[in-house]
Amino acid sequence: DAFPAGAASRTILGKVEIVLLRTASDAFRVECWRSFSDYVFTFLSEAARDAAA
């Protein structure tokens, strides 16, 4: 597995630098600066809505 549970990576989500952690085989955690939290939440919410459509 290229990104197994317990792995972490710094990356860009939209316009924000985040830390992406894989906490389990089916779960992830996204960390970002608090000042970007509304942007990241909206970005992920819209992506989830688009994926469900």
PDB file of N, CA and C in Angstrom:
ATOM      1  N   ASP A   1       0.848  -1.181   0.000  1.00  0.00           N
ATOM      2  CA  ASP A   1       0.000   0.000   0.000  1.00  0.00           C
ATOM      3  C   ASP A   1       0.892   1.243   0.000  1.00  0.00           C
ATOM      4  N   ALA A   2       0.655   2.146  -0.915  1.00  0.00           N
ATOM      5  CA  ALA A   2       1.495   3.336  -1.052  1.00  0.00           C
ATOM      6  C   ALA A   2       1.298   4.345   0.076  1.00  0.00           C
ATOM      7  N   PHE A   3       0.132   4.327   0.722  1.00  0.00           N
ATOM      8  CA  PHE A   3      -0.168   5.268   1.807  1.00  0.00           C
ATOM      9  C   PHE A   3      -0.911   4.505   2.899  1.00  0.00           C
ATOM     10  N   PRO A   4      -0.189   3.690   3.673  1.00  0.00           N
ATOM     11  CA  PRO A   4      -0.829   2.805   4.656  1.00  0.00           C
ATOM     12  C   PRO A   4      -1.328   3.564   5.888  1.00  0.00           C
ATOM     13  N   ALA A   5      -2.167   2.919   6.665  1.00  0.00           N
ATOM     14  CA  ALA A   5      -2.626   3.498   7.929  1.00  0.00           C
ATOM     15  C   ALA A   5      -1.410   3.871   8.771  1.00  0.00           C
ATOM     16  N   GLY A   6      -1.448   5.047   9.358  1.00  0.00           N
ATOM     17  CA  GLY A   6      -0.323   5.560  10.133  1.00  0.00           C
ATOM     18  C   GLY A   6       0.568   6.504   9.345  1.00  0.00           C
ATOM     19  N   ALA A   7       0.395   6.551   8.026  1.00  0.00           N
ATOM     20  CA  ALA A   7       1.206   7.427   7.175  1.00  0.00           C
ATOM     21  C   ALA A   7       0.693   8.861   7.244  1.00  0.00           C
ATOM     22  N   ALA A   8       1.580   9.799   6.942  1.00  0.00           N
ATOM     23  CA  ALA A   8       1.224  11.216   6.907  1.00  0.00           C
ATOM     24  C   ALA A   8       2.004  11.883   5.785  1.00  0.00           C
ATOM     25  N   SER A   9       1.408  12.944   5.232  1.00  0.00           N
ATOM     26  CA  SER A   9       2.070  13.668   4.155  1.00  0.00           C
ATOM     27  C   SER A   9       1.617  15.121   4.158  1.00  0.00           C
ATOM     28  N   ARG A  10       2.550  16.022   3.886  1.00  0.00           N
ATOM     29  CA  ARG A  10       2.200  17.425   3.673  1.00  0.00           C
ATOM     30  C   ARG A  10       1.895  17.584   2.193  1.00  0.00           C
ATOM     31  N   THR A  11       0.799  18.288   1.893  1.00  0.00           N
ATOM     32  CA  THR A  11       0.394  18.468   0.514  1.00  0.00           C
ATOM     33  C   THR A  11      -0.456  19.730   0.400  1.00  0.00           C
ATOM     34  N   ILE A  12      -0.921  20.004  -0.804  1.00  0.00           N
ATOM     35  CA  ILE A  12      -1.761  21.170  -1.067  1.00  0.00           C
ATOM     36  C   ILE A  12      -3.177  20.696  -1.370  1.00  0.00           C
ATOM     37  N   LEU A  13      -4.149  21.336  -0.737  1.00  0.00           N
ATOM     38  CA  LEU A  13      -5.570  21.076  -0.992  1.00  0.00           C
ATOM     39  C   LEU A  13      -6.175  22.397  -1.435  1.00  0.00           C
ATOM     40  N   GLY A  14      -6.497  22.502  -2.708  1.00  0.00           N
ATOM     41  CA  GLY A  14      -6.955  23.789  -3.224  1.00  0.00           C
ATOM     42  C   GLY A  14      -5.813  24.787  -3.161  1.00  0.00           C
ATOM     43  N   LYS A  15      -5.935  25.755  -2.267  1.00  0.00           N
ATOM     44  CA  LYS A  15      -4.903  26.788  -2.110  1.00  0.00           C
ATOM     45  C   LYS A  15      -4.231  26.728  -0.745  1.00  0.00           C
ATOM     46  N   VAL A  16      -4.441  25.629  -0.025  1.00  0.00           N
ATOM     47  CA  VAL A  16      -3.997  25.544   1.368  1.00  0.00           C
ATOM     48  C   VAL A  16      -3.039  24.378   1.554  1.00  0.00           C
ATOM     49  N   GLU A  17      -1.984  24.606   2.331  1.00  0.00           N
ATOM     50  CA  GLU A  17      -1.098  23.514   2.718  1.00  0.00           C
ATOM     51  C   GLU A  17      -1.749  22.767   3.874  1.00  0.00           C
ATOM     52  N   ILE A  18      -1.827  21.432   3.750  1.00  0.00           N
ATOM     53  CA  ILE A  18      -2.432  20.601   4.787  1.00  0.00           C
ATOM     54  C   ILE A  18      -1.480  19.470   5.156  1.00  0.00           C
ATOM     55  N   VAL A  19      -1.797  18.807   6.241  1.00  0.00           N
ATOM     56  CA  VAL A  19      -1.177  17.538   6.588  1.00  0.00           C
ATOM     57  C   VAL A  19      -2.285  16.501   6.477  1.00  0.00           C
ATOM     58  N   LEU A  20      -2.064  15.494   5.650  1.00  0.00           N
ATOM     59  CA  LEU A  20      -3.029  14.420   5.450  1.00  0.00           C
ATOM     60  C   LEU A  20      -2.512  13.184   6.170  1.00  0.00           C
ATOM     61  N   LEU A  21      -3.310  12.681   7.099  1.00  0.00           N
ATOM     62  CA  LEU A  21      -2.941  11.495   7.864  1.00  0.00           C
ATOM     63  C   LEU A  21      -3.938  10.385   7.562  1.00  0.00           C
ATOM     64  N   ARG A  22      -3.435   9.197   7.356  1.00  0.00           N
ATOM     65  CA  ARG A  22      -4.324   8.045   7.183  1.00  0.00           C
ATOM     66  C   ARG A  22      -4.402   7.350   8.536  1.00  0.00           C
ATOM     67  N   THR A  23      -5.546   7.476   9.188  1.00  0.00           N
ATOM     68  CA  THR A  23      -5.702   6.969  10.547  1.00  0.00           C
ATOM     69  C   THR A  23      -6.152   5.517  10.591  1.00  0.00           C
ATOM     70  N   ALA A  24      -6.737   5.032   9.503  1.00  0.00           N
ATOM     71  CA  ALA A  24      -7.176   3.639   9.383  1.00  0.00           C
ATOM     72  C   ALA A  24      -7.295   3.332   7.902  1.00  0.00           C
ATOM     73  N   SER A  25      -7.578   2.089   7.580  1.00  0.00           N
ATOM     74  CA  SER A  25      -7.662   1.723   6.163  1.00  0.00           C
ATOM     75  C   SER A  25      -8.782   2.472   5.444  1.00  0.00           C
ATOM     76  N   ASP A  26      -9.786   2.932   6.192  1.00  0.00           N
ATOM     77  CA  ASP A  26     -10.913   3.639   5.582  1.00  0.00           C
ATOM     78  C   ASP A  26     -11.141   5.029   6.187  1.00  0.00           C
ATOM     79  N   ALA A  27     -10.109   5.607   6.816  1.00  0.00           N
ATOM     80  CA  ALA A  27     -10.281   6.907   7.469  1.00  0.00           C
ATOM     81  C   ALA A  27      -9.038   7.780   7.309  1.00  0.00           C
ATOM     82  N   PHE A  28      -9.285   9.072   7.128  1.00  0.00           N
ATOM     83  CA  PHE A  28      -8.221  10.058   6.995  1.00  0.00           C
ATOM     84  C   PHE A  28      -8.479  11.216   7.946  1.00  0.00           C
ATOM     85  N   ARG A  29      -7.430  11.939   8.265  1.00  0.00           N
ATOM     86  CA  ARG A  29      -7.531  13.158   9.061  1.00  0.00           C
ATOM     87  C   ARG A  29      -6.824  14.253   8.283  1.00  0.00           C
ATOM     88  N   VAL A  30      -7.449  15.418   8.210  1.00  0.00           N
ATOM     89  CA  VAL A  30      -6.878  16.568   7.517  1.00  0.00           C
ATOM     90  C   VAL A  30      -6.587  17.642   8.557  1.00  0.00           C
ATOM     91  N   GLU A  31      -5.353  18.118   8.593  1.00  0.00           N
ATOM     92  CA  GLU A  31      -4.975  19.194   9.507  1.00  0.00           C
ATOM     93  C   GLU A  31      -4.507  20.393   8.702  1.00  0.00           C
ATOM     94  N   CYS A  32      -4.939  21.572   9.140  1.00  0.00           N
ATOM     95  CA  CYS A  32      -4.529  22.818   8.490  1.00  0.00           C
ATOM     96  C   CYS A  32      -4.516  23.917   9.544  1.00  0.00           C
ATOM     97  N   TRP A  33      -3.974  25.072   9.164  1.00  0.00           N
ATOM     98  CA  TRP A  33      -4.016  26.225  10.055  1.00  0.00           C
ATOM     99  C   TRP A  33      -5.476  26.586  10.314  1.00  0.00           C
ATOM    100  N   ARG A  34      -5.777  26.977  11.536  1.00  0.00           N
ATOM    101  CA  ARG A  34      -7.156  27.308  11.906  1.00  0.00           C
ATOM    102  C   ARG A  34      -7.728  28.412  11.016  1.00  0.00           C
ATOM    103  N   SER A  35      -6.917  29.346  10.601  1.00  0.00           N
ATOM    104  CA  SER A  35      -7.402  30.441   9.756  1.00  0.00           C
ATOM    105  C   SER A  35      -7.889  29.950   8.394  1.00  0.00           C
ATOM    106  N   PHE A  36      -7.494  28.741   7.981  1.00  0.00           N
ATOM    107  CA  PHE A  36      -7.938  28.167   6.711  1.00  0.00           C
ATOM    108  C   PHE A  36      -9.034  27.119   6.893  1.00  0.00           C
ATOM    109  N   SER A  37      -9.479  26.888   8.110  1.00  0.00           N
ATOM    110  CA  SER A  37     -10.401  25.777   8.366  1.00  0.00           C
ATOM    111  C   SER A  37     -11.733  25.918   7.634  1.00  0.00           C
ATOM    112  N   ASP A  38     -12.298  27.118   7.557  1.00  0.00           N
ATOM    113  CA  ASP A  38     -13.563  27.294   6.831  1.00  0.00           C
ATOM    114  C   ASP A  38     -13.387  26.974   5.352  1.00  0.00           C
ATOM    115  N   TYR A  39     -12.295  27.426   4.771  1.00  0.00           N
ATOM    116  CA  TYR A  39     -12.016  27.143   3.359  1.00  0.00           C
ATOM    117  C   TYR A  39     -11.886  25.641   3.125  1.00  0.00           C
ATOM    118  N   VAL A  40     -11.115  24.962   3.961  1.00  0.00           N
ATOM    119  CA  VAL A  40     -10.899  23.521   3.801  1.00  0.00           C
ATOM    120  C   VAL A  40     -12.202  22.759   4.003  1.00  0.00           C
ATOM    121  N   PHE A  41     -12.988  23.134   5.010  1.00  0.00           N
ATOM    122  CA  PHE A  41     -14.268  22.468   5.254  1.00  0.00           C
ATOM    123  C   PHE A  41     -15.187  22.625   4.045  1.00  0.00           C
ATOM    124  N   THR A  42     -15.289  23.831   3.515  1.00  0.00           N
ATOM    125  CA  THR A  42     -16.133  24.071   2.342  1.00  0.00           C
ATOM    126  C   THR A  42     -15.622  23.294   1.138  1.00  0.00           C
ATOM    127  N   PHE A  43     -14.318  23.296   0.921  1.00  0.00           N
ATOM    128  CA  PHE A  43     -13.712  22.568  -0.198  1.00  0.00           C
ATOM    129  C   PHE A  43     -14.071  21.085  -0.127  1.00  0.00           C
ATOM    130  N   LEU A  44     -13.885  20.478   1.055  1.00  0.00           N
ATOM    131  CA  LEU A  44     -14.164  19.048   1.214  1.00  0.00           C
ATOM    132  C   LEU A  44     -15.658  18.755   1.142  1.00  0.00           C
ATOM    133  N   SER A  45     -16.490  19.633   1.678  1.00  0.00           N
ATOM    134  CA  SER A  45     -17.944  19.441   1.617  1.00  0.00           C
ATOM    135  C   SER A  45     -18.443  19.464   0.179  1.00  0.00           C
ATOM    136  N   GLU A  46     -17.951  20.411  -0.608  1.00  0.00           N
ATOM    137  CA  GLU A  46     -18.345  20.493  -2.016  1.00  0.00           C
ATOM    138  C   GLU A  46     -17.840  19.286  -2.797  1.00  0.00           C
ATOM    139  N   ALA A  47     -16.636  18.834  -2.501  1.00  0.00           N
ATOM    140  CA  ALA A  47     -16.097  17.652  -3.179  1.00  0.00           C
ATOM    141  C   ALA A  47     -16.928  16.416  -2.850  1.00  0.00           C
ATOM    142  N   ALA A  48     -17.342  16.277  -1.594  1.00  0.00           N
ATOM    143  CA  ALA A  48     -18.172  15.136  -1.198  1.00  0.00           C
ATOM    144  C   ALA A  48     -19.533  15.198  -1.880  1.00  0.00           C
ATOM    145  N   ARG A  49     -20.114  16.391  -1.954  1.00  0.00           N
ATOM    146  CA  ARG A  49     -21.406  16.552  -2.627  1.00  0.00           C
ATOM    147  C   ARG A  49     -21.286  16.202  -4.112  1.00  0.00           C
ATOM    148  N   ASP A  50     -20.232  16.662  -4.759  1.00  0.00           N
ATOM    149  CA  ASP A  50     -20.023  16.355  -6.176  1.00  0.00           C
ATOM    150  C   ASP A  50     -19.812  14.857  -6.390  1.00  0.00           C
ATOM    151  N   ALA A  51     -19.097  14.210  -5.491  1.00  0.00           N
ATOM    152  CA  ALA A  51     -18.836  12.772  -5.619  1.00  0.00           C
ATOM    153  C   ALA A  51     -20.108  11.958  -5.432  1.00  0.00           C
ATOM    154  N   ALA A  52     -21.024  12.459  -4.611  1.00  0.00           N
ATOM    155  CA  ALA A  52     -22.278  11.743  -4.352  1.00  0.00           C
ATOM    156  C   ALA A  52     -23.278  11.915  -5.489  1.00  0.00           C
ATOM    157  N   ALA A  53     -23.096  12.936  -6.305  1.00  0.00           N
ATOM    158  CA  ALA A  53     -24.050  13.223  -7.393  1.00  0.00           C
ATOM    159  C   ALA A  53     -23.882  12.292  -8.564  1.00  0.00           C
TER     160      ALA A  53
END
